[in-house]
Amino acid sequence: ESQNLFCCLYRSWCHNPVTTVSLCFLTQNYQHAYDLIQKFGDLEVTVDFLTEVDKLVQLIECPIFTYLRLQLLDVKNNPYLIKALYGLLMLLPQSSAFQLLSHRLQCVPNPELLQTGDGLKAAPKSEKADSPSIDYAELLQHFERVQKKHLEVRHQRSGRGDHLDRRVVL
């Protein structure tokens, strides 16, 4: 039941990349959040996009994400959470949100353990229970299709029509 809700929300929320990552953080689907953030390199980086990443970093510091911050202490079982947060950090320009997230990540014990070797591939309990019936690869493909359509629409509106390569728009 909760898996169906996640999939339904995901399909609705994936129109906004940062919101989709927020959903993954809220549901403790950290590996998928990391996979999504890796796809951000293929998206058009706009001021609005960076502002949303900034707001997500601010949200991570709110009480609703206390559990997420505490899970940073368990490096061994949450490598994808840490990698996802570092991915967000790399997207941000050096700003107050960058400083905030950077400081938070400095508090993570033993950052050398971020490598996902065979012993670290085990997902947290919440993901293990949900994984068999959620097709994360299909959700990721859906995300990519939706984002491609948004890019096409933006380019058509701006008169760039057929030229759909990545651009930094600031």
Foldseek 3Di string as FASTA:
>chain_A
DVLVVLLVVLLVQLLQLLSNLVSCLLLVVLQLSLVSLVCCVQAAAEPVNLVSLLVVLVVCPDPSNPVLLVCLQVCLQRLSSLSSLVSSLVPHDPDVSNVSSVVSSVPRPPPVSSDCDPSRPDHPPSCVVNVPVDDSVVSVVSSVVSRQVVQQVVCVVVVNRPDRGHDHHD
